[in-house]
Amino acid sequence: MDLVQTVALSAGLAWASGLRLYLVVFLAGVLAHLGYMHLPESLHVLTHPLVMAASGGMALAELVADKVPAFDSLWDGFQTFVRIPAGALLATFALGDVEPAWMVAAGLLGGTITAGTHFAKAGSRLAINASPEPFSNWLASFGEDGMVLGGVWVMLVAPALFLLLLVVFLIGAVVAIRLSYRLLAGLFRRLRRSPGGQG
């Protein structure tokens, strides 16, 4: 792989992990096993049948859990402790055999990308769950599934374009985090001022 492909793989695995960790691990393993994705030796473990079975099973569980309003936010809260370190590790090992300084840098940047993606997703879902109807939740969840599948495809066929789109996405993620925070803060203030609230 050339430098752009390597950077796109590292950043792409980190980004997708913030949305659907188990799905991206499963996809990477299956695509590499079938010869559609080149993984460095350090990530060949993803093609092991046990890893593919475990990640596939968890991806299916997450597919269901993410469609249940309110439970999806509980799931995201728990996944904070899984997605971010896993995304950092995937970003690190995607570089292959490099100097330790490059691995540390990739881990730091990868963890930051995963965290930004994860918190944008989780914050948006909390805001969506403030609405009583389930359809916006389902739409958001299926949209995230599509983003991961589409993102992995673009990462493979046009890595430079993927990196450009990733920058745009991360800018949007910062905006989404800020908006979600303001929306939720306003909601909590209204609840506290309501007759049943504490305030």
N, C-alpha and C. Protein backbone atom coordinates (compact mmCIF):
# COMPACT_ATOMS: atom_id res chain seq x y z
N MET A 1 0.84 -1.20 0.00
CA MET A 1 0.00 0.00 0.00
C MET A 1 0.88 1.24 0.00
N ASP A 2 0.40 2.28 -0.71
CA ASP A 2 1.14 3.54 -0.66
C ASP A 2 0.72 4.32 0.57
N LEU A 3 1.34 5.50 0.77
CA LEU A 3 1.13 6.27 1.97
C LEU A 3 -0.33 6.71 2.13
N VAL A 4 -0.95 7.18 1.04
CA VAL A 4 -2.34 7.66 1.12
C VAL A 4 -3.26 6.51 1.51
N GLN A 5 -3.07 5.34 0.91
CA GLN A 5 -3.90 4.18 1.25
C GLN A 5 -3.73 3.77 2.71
N THR A 6 -2.48 3.82 3.18
CA THR A 6 -2.20 3.45 4.57
C THR A 6 -2.86 4.42 5.54
N VAL A 7 -2.72 5.71 5.26
CA VAL A 7 -3.33 6.73 6.13
C VAL A 7 -4.85 6.61 6.09
N ALA A 8 -5.41 6.38 4.89
CA ALA A 8 -6.86 6.23 4.77
C ALA A 8 -7.35 5.01 5.54
N LEU A 9 -6.62 3.90 5.48
CA LEU A 9 -7.00 2.70 6.22
C LEU A 9 -6.97 2.96 7.72
N SER A 10 -5.90 3.60 8.19
CA SER A 10 -5.77 3.89 9.62
C SER A 10 -6.89 4.82 10.10
N ALA A 11 -7.07 5.92 9.38
CA ALA A 11 -8.11 6.88 9.76
C ALA A 11 -9.51 6.31 9.56
N GLY A 12 -9.68 5.54 8.49
CA GLY A 12 -11.00 4.97 8.19
C GLY A 12 -11.45 3.96 9.24
N LEU A 13 -10.55 3.10 9.68
CA LEU A 13 -10.91 2.14 10.72
C LEU A 13 -11.25 2.86 12.03
N ALA A 14 -10.50 3.92 12.33
CA ALA A 14 -10.78 4.71 13.54
C ALA A 14 -12.13 5.38 13.44
N TRP A 15 -12.41 6.01 12.30
CA TRP A 15 -13.69 6.71 12.11
C TRP A 15 -14.88 5.76 12.20
N ALA A 16 -14.81 4.66 11.47
CA ALA A 16 -15.93 3.71 11.45
C ALA A 16 -16.14 3.07 12.81
N SER A 17 -15.06 2.92 13.59
CA SER A 17 -15.19 2.34 14.92
C SER A 17 -16.05 3.20 15.84
N GLY A 18 -16.02 4.51 15.62
CA GLY A 18 -16.84 5.40 16.43
C GLY A 18 -18.33 5.25 16.16
N LEU A 19 -18.68 4.69 15.02
CA LEU A 19 -20.09 4.46 14.67
C LEU A 19 -20.50 3.02 14.90
N ARG A 20 -19.75 2.10 14.32
CA ARG A 20 -20.09 0.67 14.38
C ARG A 20 -18.80 -0.15 14.48
N LEU A 21 -18.25 -0.24 15.68
CA LEU A 21 -16.97 -0.94 15.88
C LEU A 21 -17.03 -2.38 15.38
N TYR A 22 -18.03 -3.11 15.83
CA TYR A 22 -18.08 -4.54 15.51
C TYR A 22 -18.31 -4.78 14.02
N LEU A 23 -19.11 -3.92 13.41
CA LEU A 23 -19.35 -4.06 11.97
C LEU A 23 -18.08 -3.82 11.18
N VAL A 24 -17.30 -2.80 11.55
CA VAL A 24 -16.09 -2.51 10.78
C VAL A 24 -15.03 -3.60 10.97
N VAL A 25 -14.94 -4.17 12.18
CA VAL A 25 -14.00 -5.28 12.41
C VAL A 25 -14.43 -6.49 11.57
N PHE A 26 -15.72 -6.77 11.55
CA PHE A 26 -16.24 -7.88 10.76
C PHE A 26 -16.00 -7.65 9.27
N LEU A 27 -16.33 -6.44 8.79
CA LEU A 27 -16.14 -6.12 7.37
C LEU A 27 -14.68 -6.23 6.96
N ALA A 28 -13.80 -5.66 7.78
CA ALA A 28 -12.37 -5.70 7.45
C ALA A 28 -11.88 -7.13 7.37
N GLY A 29 -12.31 -7.97 8.31
CA GLY A 29 -11.89 -9.37 8.29
C GLY A 29 -12.40 -10.11 7.08
N VAL A 30 -13.68 -9.94 6.76
CA VAL A 30 -14.28 -10.64 5.62
C VAL A 30 -13.69 -10.16 4.30
N LEU A 31 -13.59 -8.83 4.14
CA LEU A 31 -13.06 -8.28 2.89
C LEU A 31 -11.60 -8.68 2.68
N ALA A 32 -10.82 -8.70 3.77
CA ALA A 32 -9.42 -9.13 3.65
C ALA A 32 -9.34 -10.62 3.34
N HIS A 33 -10.20 -11.40 3.96
CA HIS A 33 -10.23 -12.85 3.71
C HIS A 33 -10.57 -13.14 2.25
N LEU A 34 -11.47 -12.33 1.67
CA LEU A 34 -11.88 -12.53 0.28
C LEU A 34 -10.94 -11.86 -0.72
N GLY A 35 -9.96 -11.11 -0.22
CA GLY A 35 -8.98 -10.48 -1.09
C GLY A 35 -9.36 -9.10 -1.61
N TYR A 36 -10.42 -8.50 -1.05
CA TYR A 36 -10.85 -7.18 -1.49
C TYR A 36 -10.19 -6.05 -0.71
N MET A 37 -9.61 -6.36 0.43
CA MET A 37 -8.94 -5.36 1.26
C MET A 37 -7.57 -5.88 1.66
N HIS A 38 -6.56 -5.04 1.51
CA HIS A 38 -5.22 -5.43 1.94
C HIS A 38 -4.98 -4.93 3.35
N LEU A 39 -4.71 -5.85 4.26
CA LEU A 39 -4.39 -5.48 5.63
C LEU A 39 -2.93 -5.79 5.91
N PRO A 40 -2.27 -4.94 6.71
CA PRO A 40 -0.89 -5.26 7.10
C PRO A 40 -0.87 -6.51 7.99
N GLU A 41 0.29 -7.08 8.12
CA GLU A 41 0.44 -8.31 8.91
C GLU A 41 -0.11 -8.14 10.33
N SER A 42 0.06 -6.94 10.87
CA SER A 42 -0.38 -6.68 12.25
C SER A 42 -1.90 -6.75 12.42
N LEU A 43 -2.67 -6.70 11.32
CA LEU A 43 -4.13 -6.78 11.40
C LEU A 43 -4.68 -8.06 10.78
N HIS A 44 -3.81 -8.98 10.41
CA HIS A 44 -4.29 -10.24 9.83
C HIS A 44 -5.13 -11.05 10.81
N VAL A 45 -5.01 -10.76 12.10
CA VAL A 45 -5.82 -11.45 13.10
C VAL A 45 -7.32 -11.22 12.86
N LEU A 46 -7.67 -10.13 12.17
CA LEU A 46 -9.08 -9.86 11.89
C LEU A 46 -9.69 -10.89 10.95
N THR A 47 -8.85 -11.60 10.20
CA THR A 47 -9.35 -12.62 9.27
C THR A 47 -9.52 -13.99 9.92
N HIS A 48 -9.14 -14.11 11.18
CA HIS A 48 -9.28 -15.39 11.88
C HIS A 48 -10.77 -15.70 12.04
N PRO A 49 -11.17 -16.95 11.77
CA PRO A 49 -12.60 -17.31 11.87
C PRO A 49 -13.23 -16.97 13.22
N LEU A 50 -12.47 -17.13 14.30
CA LEU A 50 -13.00 -16.82 15.62
C LEU A 50 -13.30 -15.33 15.77
N VAL A 51 -12.38 -14.49 15.26
CA VAL A 51 -12.57 -13.03 15.33
C VAL A 51 -13.75 -12.63 14.45
N MET A 52 -13.84 -13.20 13.25
CA MET A 52 -14.95 -12.86 12.36
C MET A 52 -16.29 -13.30 12.95
N ALA A 53 -16.32 -14.47 13.59
CA ALA A 53 -17.56 -14.95 14.19
C ALA A 53 -17.97 -14.06 15.36
N ALA A 54 -17.01 -13.70 16.22
CA ALA A 54 -17.32 -12.87 17.38
C ALA A 54 -17.76 -11.47 16.95
N SER A 55 -17.02 -10.87 16.02
CA SER A 55 -17.38 -9.52 15.57
C SER A 55 -18.69 -9.53 14.79
N GLY A 56 -18.93 -10.59 14.02
CA GLY A 56 -20.20 -10.70 13.29
C GLY A 56 -21.39 -10.82 14.23
N GLY A 57 -21.24 -11.63 15.27
CA GLY A 57 -22.31 -11.77 16.25
C GLY A 57 -22.58 -10.48 17.00
N MET A 58 -21.51 -9.78 17.38
CA MET A 58 -21.67 -8.50 18.08
C MET A 58 -22.24 -7.43 17.15
N ALA A 59 -21.85 -7.48 15.88
CA ALA A 59 -22.40 -6.52 14.91
C ALA A 59 -23.90 -6.71 14.76
N LEU A 60 -24.33 -7.96 14.75
CA LEU A 60 -25.77 -8.25 14.65
C LEU A 60 -26.51 -7.77 15.90
N ALA A 61 -25.90 -8.00 17.07
CA ALA A 61 -26.50 -7.53 18.33
C ALA A 61 -26.59 -6.01 18.35
N GLU A 62 -25.54 -5.35 17.89
CA GLU A 62 -25.55 -3.89 17.87
C GLU A 62 -26.56 -3.35 16.87
N LEU A 63 -26.72 -4.05 15.76
CA LEU A 63 -27.70 -3.65 14.75
C LEU A 63 -29.09 -3.57 15.36
N VAL A 64 -29.42 -4.53 16.23
CA VAL A 64 -30.73 -4.55 16.89
C VAL A 64 -30.77 -3.51 18.02
N ALA A 65 -29.74 -3.51 18.87
CA ALA A 65 -29.72 -2.61 20.03
C ALA A 65 -29.80 -1.15 19.61
N ASP A 66 -29.17 -0.83 18.51
CA ASP A 66 -29.11 0.56 18.07
C ASP A 66 -30.43 1.07 17.52
N LYS A 67 -31.38 0.18 17.29
CA LYS A 67 -32.69 0.59 16.76
C LYS A 67 -33.73 0.79 17.86
N VAL A 68 -33.36 0.54 19.11
CA VAL A 68 -34.31 0.66 20.22
C VAL A 68 -34.11 2.01 20.90
N PRO A 69 -35.11 2.91 20.80
CA PRO A 69 -34.98 4.23 21.43
C PRO A 69 -34.68 4.12 22.92
N ALA A 70 -33.83 5.00 23.41
CA ALA A 70 -33.38 5.07 24.81
C ALA A 70 -32.33 3.99 25.10
N PHE A 71 -32.62 2.72 24.72
CA PHE A 71 -31.60 1.69 24.95
C PHE A 71 -30.35 1.96 24.13
N ASP A 72 -30.52 2.58 22.93
CA ASP A 72 -29.37 2.89 22.10
C ASP A 72 -28.42 3.85 22.81
N SER A 73 -28.96 4.79 23.59
CA SER A 73 -28.10 5.73 24.32
C SER A 73 -27.38 5.02 25.47
N LEU A 74 -28.07 4.07 26.12
CA LEU A 74 -27.42 3.27 27.15
C LEU A 74 -26.29 2.45 26.54
N TRP A 75 -26.55 1.88 25.38
CA TRP A 75 -25.54 1.11 24.65
C TRP A 75 -24.36 1.99 24.29
N ASP A 76 -24.62 3.20 23.79
CA ASP A 76 -23.54 4.13 23.43
C ASP A 76 -22.71 4.50 24.66
N GLY A 77 -23.38 4.67 25.80
CA GLY A 77 -22.65 5.00 27.02
C GLY A 77 -21.67 3.91 27.39
N PHE A 78 -22.11 2.67 27.32
CA PHE A 78 -21.23 1.54 27.60
C PHE A 78 -20.12 1.45 26.56
N GLN A 79 -20.47 1.67 25.29
CA GLN A 79 -19.50 1.53 24.20
C GLN A 79 -18.42 2.61 24.22
N THR A 80 -18.62 3.67 24.99
CA THR A 80 -17.56 4.69 25.13
C THR A 80 -16.26 4.04 25.57
N PHE A 81 -16.36 3.04 26.44
CA PHE A 81 -15.17 2.39 26.99
C PHE A 81 -14.61 1.30 26.09
N VAL A 82 -15.31 1.02 24.99
CA VAL A 82 -14.87 -0.02 24.06
C VAL A 82 -14.43 0.59 22.74
N ARG A 83 -15.28 1.44 22.15
CA ARG A 83 -15.01 1.97 20.82
C ARG A 83 -13.72 2.80 20.75
N ILE A 84 -13.52 3.68 21.71
CA ILE A 84 -12.40 4.62 21.62
C ILE A 84 -11.04 3.90 21.71
N PRO A 85 -10.81 3.05 22.73
CA PRO A 85 -9.53 2.34 22.73
C PRO A 85 -9.37 1.37 21.55
N ALA A 86 -10.48 0.74 21.13
CA ALA A 86 -10.39 -0.18 19.99
C ALA A 86 -10.06 0.59 18.71
N GLY A 87 -10.70 1.75 18.51
CA GLY A 87 -10.39 2.57 17.34
C GLY A 87 -8.95 3.02 17.33
N ALA A 88 -8.42 3.38 18.49
CA ALA A 88 -7.01 3.79 18.58
C ALA A 88 -6.09 2.63 18.23
N LEU A 89 -6.42 1.43 18.71
CA LEU A 89 -5.59 0.25 18.40
C LEU A 89 -5.65 -0.11 16.91
N LEU A 90 -6.84 -0.07 16.33
CA LEU A 90 -6.96 -0.38 14.90
C LEU A 90 -6.17 0.62 14.07
N ALA A 91 -6.25 1.91 14.43
CA ALA A 91 -5.49 2.93 13.70
C ALA A 91 -4.00 2.69 13.82
N THR A 92 -3.56 2.28 15.00
CA THR A 92 -2.13 2.02 15.23
C THR A 92 -1.65 0.83 14.40
N PHE A 93 -2.36 -0.29 14.50
CA PHE A 93 -1.92 -1.51 13.82
C PHE A 93 -2.11 -1.44 12.30
N ALA A 94 -2.96 -0.52 11.84
CA ALA A 94 -3.15 -0.37 10.39
C ALA A 94 -1.89 0.16 9.70
N LEU A 95 -1.00 0.76 10.46
CA LEU A 95 0.24 1.28 9.86
C LEU A 95 1.23 0.17 9.54
N GLY A 96 1.06 -0.97 10.16
CA GLY A 96 1.99 -2.06 9.91
C GLY A 96 3.25 -1.91 10.73
N ASP A 97 4.37 -2.34 10.15
CA ASP A 97 5.66 -2.33 10.85
C ASP A 97 6.33 -0.97 10.67
N VAL A 98 6.13 -0.08 11.61
CA VAL A 98 6.72 1.27 11.55
C VAL A 98 7.41 1.57 12.88
N GLU A 99 8.09 2.71 12.92
CA GLU A 99 8.76 3.13 14.15
C GLU A 99 7.73 3.38 15.25
N PRO A 100 8.12 3.14 16.51
CA PRO A 100 7.19 3.35 17.63
C PRO A 100 6.58 4.75 17.68
N ALA A 101 7.35 5.76 17.29
CA ALA A 101 6.83 7.13 17.33
C ALA A 101 5.62 7.27 16.40
N TRP A 102 5.69 6.64 15.21
CA TRP A 102 4.57 6.69 14.28
C TRP A 102 3.36 5.94 14.84
N MET A 103 3.61 4.85 15.53
CA MET A 103 2.52 4.07 16.12
C MET A 103 1.81 4.86 17.22
N VAL A 104 2.60 5.55 18.05
CA VAL A 104 2.01 6.36 19.12
C VAL A 104 1.19 7.49 18.52
N ALA A 105 1.75 8.15 17.49
CA ALA A 105 1.03 9.25 16.84
C ALA A 105 -0.28 8.76 16.21
N ALA A 106 -0.21 7.60 15.55
CA ALA A 106 -1.42 7.03 14.94
C ALA A 106 -2.46 6.68 15.99
N GLY A 107 -2.01 6.14 17.12
CA GLY A 107 -2.93 5.81 18.20
C GLY A 107 -3.62 7.04 18.77
N LEU A 108 -2.84 8.11 18.96
CA LEU A 108 -3.41 9.35 19.49
C LEU A 108 -4.42 9.96 18.52
N LEU A 109 -4.03 10.05 17.25
CA LEU A 109 -4.93 10.62 16.25
C LEU A 109 -6.14 9.71 16.02
N GLY A 110 -5.89 8.42 15.96
CA GLY A 110 -6.99 7.47 15.76
C GLY A 110 -7.98 7.51 16.90
N GLY A 111 -7.48 7.55 18.13
CA GLY A 111 -8.37 7.63 19.28
C GLY A 111 -9.18 8.91 19.28
N THR A 112 -8.57 10.00 18.84
CA THR A 112 -9.28 11.28 18.76
C THR A 112 -10.38 11.23 17.70
N ILE A 113 -10.07 10.65 16.54
CA ILE A 113 -11.08 10.51 15.48
C ILE A 113 -12.24 9.64 15.96
N THR A 114 -11.91 8.51 16.59
CA THR A 114 -12.95 7.62 17.10
C THR A 114 -13.81 8.32 18.14
N ALA A 115 -13.15 9.03 19.07
CA ALA A 115 -13.88 9.73 20.12
C ALA A 115 -14.81 10.80 19.53
N GLY A 116 -14.30 11.57 18.58
CA GLY A 116 -15.13 12.61 17.96
C GLY A 116 -16.34 12.03 17.27
N THR A 117 -16.14 10.94 16.54
CA THR A 117 -17.24 10.28 15.85
C THR A 117 -18.24 9.70 16.85
N HIS A 118 -17.71 9.03 17.86
CA HIS A 118 -18.57 8.40 18.87
C HIS A 118 -19.41 9.43 19.61
N PHE A 119 -18.79 10.52 20.05
CA PHE A 119 -19.54 11.50 20.84
C PHE A 119 -20.54 12.28 19.97
N ALA A 120 -20.21 12.48 18.70
CA ALA A 120 -21.19 13.11 17.80
C ALA A 120 -22.40 12.19 17.63
N LYS A 121 -22.15 10.90 17.46
CA LYS A 121 -23.24 9.92 17.32
C LYS A 121 -24.06 9.84 18.61
N ALA A 122 -23.37 9.68 19.74
CA ALA A 122 -24.07 9.53 21.01
C ALA A 122 -24.86 10.78 21.38
N GLY A 123 -24.28 11.96 21.15
CA GLY A 123 -24.97 13.20 21.46
C GLY A 123 -26.18 13.41 20.59
N SER A 124 -26.02 13.09 19.31
CA SER A 124 -27.16 13.21 18.38
C SER A 124 -28.29 12.27 18.78
N ARG A 125 -27.93 11.06 19.19
CA ARG A 125 -28.95 10.09 19.59
C ARG A 125 -29.68 10.53 20.85
N LEU A 126 -28.96 11.12 21.81
CA LEU A 126 -29.62 11.63 23.01
C LEU A 126 -30.63 12.70 22.64
N ALA A 127 -30.23 13.58 21.72
CA ALA A 127 -31.14 14.64 21.29
C ALA A 127 -32.35 14.06 20.57
N ILE A 128 -32.12 13.07 19.72
CA ILE A 128 -33.22 12.43 18.98
C ILE A 128 -34.16 11.71 19.94
N ASN A 129 -33.61 11.10 20.98
CA ASN A 129 -34.43 10.35 21.93
C ASN A 129 -35.33 11.25 22.78
N ALA A 130 -35.07 12.55 22.72
CA ALA A 130 -35.96 13.49 23.42
C ALA A 130 -37.33 13.53 22.74
N SER A 131 -37.37 13.07 21.47
CA SER A 131 -38.64 13.00 20.73
C SER A 131 -39.29 11.65 21.03
N PRO A 132 -40.61 11.64 21.26
CA PRO A 132 -41.27 10.38 21.64
C PRO A 132 -41.43 9.37 20.51
N GLU A 133 -41.40 9.83 19.24
CA GLU A 133 -41.62 8.87 18.15
C GLU A 133 -40.32 8.15 17.79
N PRO A 134 -40.40 6.87 17.37
CA PRO A 134 -39.20 6.08 17.11
C PRO A 134 -38.62 6.24 15.72
N PHE A 135 -39.35 6.88 14.80
CA PHE A 135 -38.94 6.86 13.39
C PHE A 135 -37.65 7.62 13.14
N SER A 136 -37.45 8.76 13.83
CA SER A 136 -36.21 9.51 13.65
C SER A 136 -35.02 8.71 14.17
N ASN A 137 -35.25 7.93 15.21
CA ASN A 137 -34.19 7.07 15.76
C ASN A 137 -33.80 6.01 14.75
N TRP A 138 -34.81 5.36 14.17
CA TRP A 138 -34.54 4.31 13.17
C TRP A 138 -33.84 4.90 11.95
N LEU A 139 -34.29 6.07 11.53
CA LEU A 139 -33.68 6.72 10.36
C LEU A 139 -32.21 7.02 10.63
N ALA A 140 -31.92 7.55 11.82
CA ALA A 140 -30.54 7.85 12.19
C ALA A 140 -29.69 6.58 12.23
N SER A 141 -30.25 5.51 12.80
CA SER A 141 -29.51 4.26 12.92
C SER A 141 -29.19 3.65 11.55
N PHE A 142 -30.20 3.60 10.68
CA PHE A 142 -29.95 3.06 9.34
C PHE A 142 -28.99 3.96 8.56
N GLY A 143 -29.07 5.28 8.82
CA GLY A 143 -28.13 6.20 8.18
C GLY A 143 -26.70 5.93 8.59
N GLU A 144 -26.49 5.62 9.88
CA GLU A 144 -25.15 5.30 10.37
C GLU A 144 -24.64 3.99 9.76
N ASP A 145 -25.54 3.00 9.64
CA ASP A 145 -25.16 1.74 8.98
C ASP A 145 -24.68 2.02 7.56
N GLY A 146 -25.45 2.85 6.84
CA GLY A 146 -25.10 3.18 5.47
C GLY A 146 -23.81 3.97 5.37
N MET A 147 -23.58 4.86 6.34
CA MET A 147 -22.34 5.64 6.34
C MET A 147 -21.12 4.75 6.48
N VAL A 148 -21.21 3.76 7.36
CA VAL A 148 -20.07 2.85 7.55
C VAL A 148 -19.81 2.05 6.28
N LEU A 149 -20.87 1.47 5.71
CA LEU A 149 -20.70 0.67 4.49
C LEU A 149 -20.17 1.53 3.35
N GLY A 150 -20.76 2.72 3.17
CA GLY A 150 -20.31 3.62 2.11
C GLY A 150 -18.91 4.13 2.36
N GLY A 151 -18.62 4.45 3.62
CA GLY A 151 -17.30 4.96 3.97
C GLY A 151 -16.19 3.94 3.71
N VAL A 152 -16.45 2.69 4.08
CA VAL A 152 -15.45 1.63 3.83
C VAL A 152 -15.24 1.46 2.33
N TRP A 153 -16.32 1.52 1.56
CA TRP A 153 -16.20 1.38 0.10
C TRP A 153 -15.36 2.53 -0.49
N VAL A 154 -15.64 3.76 -0.08
CA VAL A 154 -14.87 4.91 -0.59
C VAL A 154 -13.42 4.80 -0.14
N MET A 155 -13.20 4.35 1.08
CA MET A 155 -11.84 4.20 1.60
C MET A 155 -11.03 3.24 0.72
N LEU A 156 -11.70 2.21 0.20
CA LEU A 156 -11.01 1.21 -0.61
C LEU A 156 -10.77 1.69 -2.05
N VAL A 157 -11.77 2.34 -2.64
CA VAL A 157 -11.67 2.68 -4.07
C VAL A 157 -11.07 4.06 -4.31
N ALA A 158 -11.20 4.97 -3.35
CA ALA A 158 -10.69 6.34 -3.53
C ALA A 158 -10.20 6.88 -2.20
N PRO A 159 -9.04 6.40 -1.72
CA PRO A 159 -8.57 6.79 -0.38
C PRO A 159 -8.36 8.29 -0.20
N ALA A 160 -7.90 8.98 -1.24
CA ALA A 160 -7.70 10.43 -1.12
C ALA A 160 -9.04 11.14 -0.92
N LEU A 161 -10.05 10.73 -1.68
CA LEU A 161 -11.39 11.30 -1.52
C LEU A 161 -11.93 11.00 -0.13
N PHE A 162 -11.69 9.79 0.36
CA PHE A 162 -12.15 9.44 1.69
C PHE A 162 -11.56 10.37 2.74
N LEU A 163 -10.26 10.65 2.63
CA LEU A 163 -9.61 11.52 3.62
C LEU A 163 -10.20 12.93 3.57
N LEU A 164 -10.52 13.40 2.38
CA LEU A 164 -11.15 14.72 2.24
C LEU A 164 -12.54 14.72 2.89
N LEU A 165 -13.31 13.68 2.60
CA LEU A 165 -14.64 13.58 3.20
C LEU A 165 -14.57 13.42 4.72
N LEU A 166 -13.52 12.76 5.19
CA LEU A 166 -13.35 12.59 6.63
C LEU A 166 -13.15 13.93 7.33
N VAL A 167 -12.36 14.81 6.71
CA VAL A 167 -12.16 16.14 7.28
C VAL A 167 -13.50 16.88 7.37
N VAL A 168 -14.30 16.80 6.30
CA VAL A 168 -15.62 17.44 6.29
C VAL A 168 -16.50 16.84 7.39
N PHE A 169 -16.47 15.52 7.51
CA PHE A 169 -17.27 14.85 8.54
C PHE A 169 -16.87 15.30 9.93
N LEU A 170 -15.56 15.37 10.20
CA LEU A 170 -15.10 15.74 11.54
C LEU A 170 -15.49 17.17 11.90
N ILE A 171 -15.47 18.05 10.91
CA ILE A 171 -15.94 19.42 11.16
C ILE A 171 -17.43 19.39 11.52
N GLY A 172 -18.19 18.60 10.76
CA GLY A 172 -19.61 18.45 11.05
C GLY A 172 -19.84 17.81 12.42
N ALA A 173 -18.95 16.88 12.82
CA ALA A 173 -19.09 16.22 14.12
C ALA A 173 -18.92 17.22 15.26
N VAL A 174 -17.97 18.13 15.11
CA VAL A 174 -17.77 19.17 16.14
C VAL A 174 -19.03 20.02 16.27
N VAL A 175 -19.60 20.40 15.13
CA VAL A 175 -20.84 21.19 15.14
C VAL A 175 -21.97 20.39 15.78
N ALA A 176 -22.09 19.11 15.44
CA ALA A 176 -23.16 18.26 15.99
C ALA A 176 -23.02 18.11 17.50
N ILE A 177 -21.79 17.96 17.99
CA ILE A 177 -21.56 17.83 19.44
C ILE A 177 -22.00 19.10 20.15
N ARG A 178 -21.64 20.25 19.59
CA ARG A 178 -22.02 21.53 20.22
C ARG A 178 -23.54 21.71 20.22
N LEU A 179 -24.18 21.41 19.10
CA LEU A 179 -25.63 21.56 19.02
C LEU A 179 -26.35 20.59 19.96
N SER A 180 -25.86 19.36 20.03
CA SER A 180 -26.48 18.37 20.92
C SER A 180 -26.35 18.81 22.37
N TYR A 181 -25.19 19.33 22.72
CA TYR A 181 -24.98 19.80 24.09
C TYR A 181 -25.94 20.94 24.43
N ARG A 182 -26.08 21.89 23.51
CA ARG A 182 -26.99 23.02 23.76
C ARG A 182 -28.43 22.56 23.87
N LEU A 183 -28.83 21.64 22.99
CA LEU A 183 -30.19 21.14 23.01
C LEU A 183 -30.49 20.40 24.30
N LEU A 184 -29.57 19.53 24.70
CA LEU A 184 -29.78 18.77 25.93
C LEU A 184 -29.72 19.65 27.17
N ALA A 185 -28.82 20.63 27.17
CA ALA A 185 -28.74 21.55 28.31
C ALA A 185 -30.04 22.33 28.44
N GLY A 186 -30.60 22.78 27.31
CA GLY A 186 -31.87 23.49 27.33
C GLY A 186 -33.00 22.61 27.82
N LEU A 187 -32.99 21.33 27.40
CA LEU A 187 -34.02 20.39 27.83
C LEU A 187 -33.96 20.16 29.34
N PHE A 188 -32.76 19.99 29.88
CA PHE A 188 -32.62 19.78 31.32
C PHE A 188 -33.04 21.02 32.11
N ARG A 189 -32.74 22.20 31.57
CA ARG A 189 -33.17 23.44 32.25
C ARG A 189 -34.69 23.52 32.30
N ARG A 190 -35.35 23.16 31.19
CA ARG A 190 -36.81 23.19 31.17
C ARG A 190 -37.41 22.18 32.13
N LEU A 191 -36.79 21.00 32.23
CA LEU A 191 -37.28 19.99 33.15
C LEU A 191 -37.15 20.44 34.59
N ARG A 192 -36.07 21.11 34.91
CA ARG A 192 -35.86 21.58 36.27
C ARG A 192 -36.84 22.68 36.64
N ARG A 193 -37.25 23.47 35.64
CA ARG A 193 -38.19 24.57 35.90
C ARG A 193 -39.66 24.12 35.89
N SER A 194 -39.89 22.90 35.41
CA SER A 194 -41.26 22.40 35.33
C SER A 194 -41.79 22.14 36.73
N PRO A 195 -43.13 22.07 36.92
CA PRO A 195 -43.72 21.85 38.25
C PRO A 195 -43.20 20.58 38.91
N GLY A 196 -42.94 19.55 38.13
CA GLY A 196 -42.45 18.30 38.72
C GLY A 196 -40.96 18.28 38.93
N GLY A 197 -40.24 19.34 38.45
CA GLY A 197 -38.79 19.37 38.57
C GLY A 197 -38.34 19.79 39.96
N GLN A 198 -37.05 19.82 40.13
CA GLN A 198 -36.46 20.19 41.41
C GLN A 198 -36.36 21.70 41.60
N GLY A 199 -36.24 22.44 40.41
CA GLY A 199 -36.00 23.86 40.50
C GLY A 199 -37.25 24.66 40.81
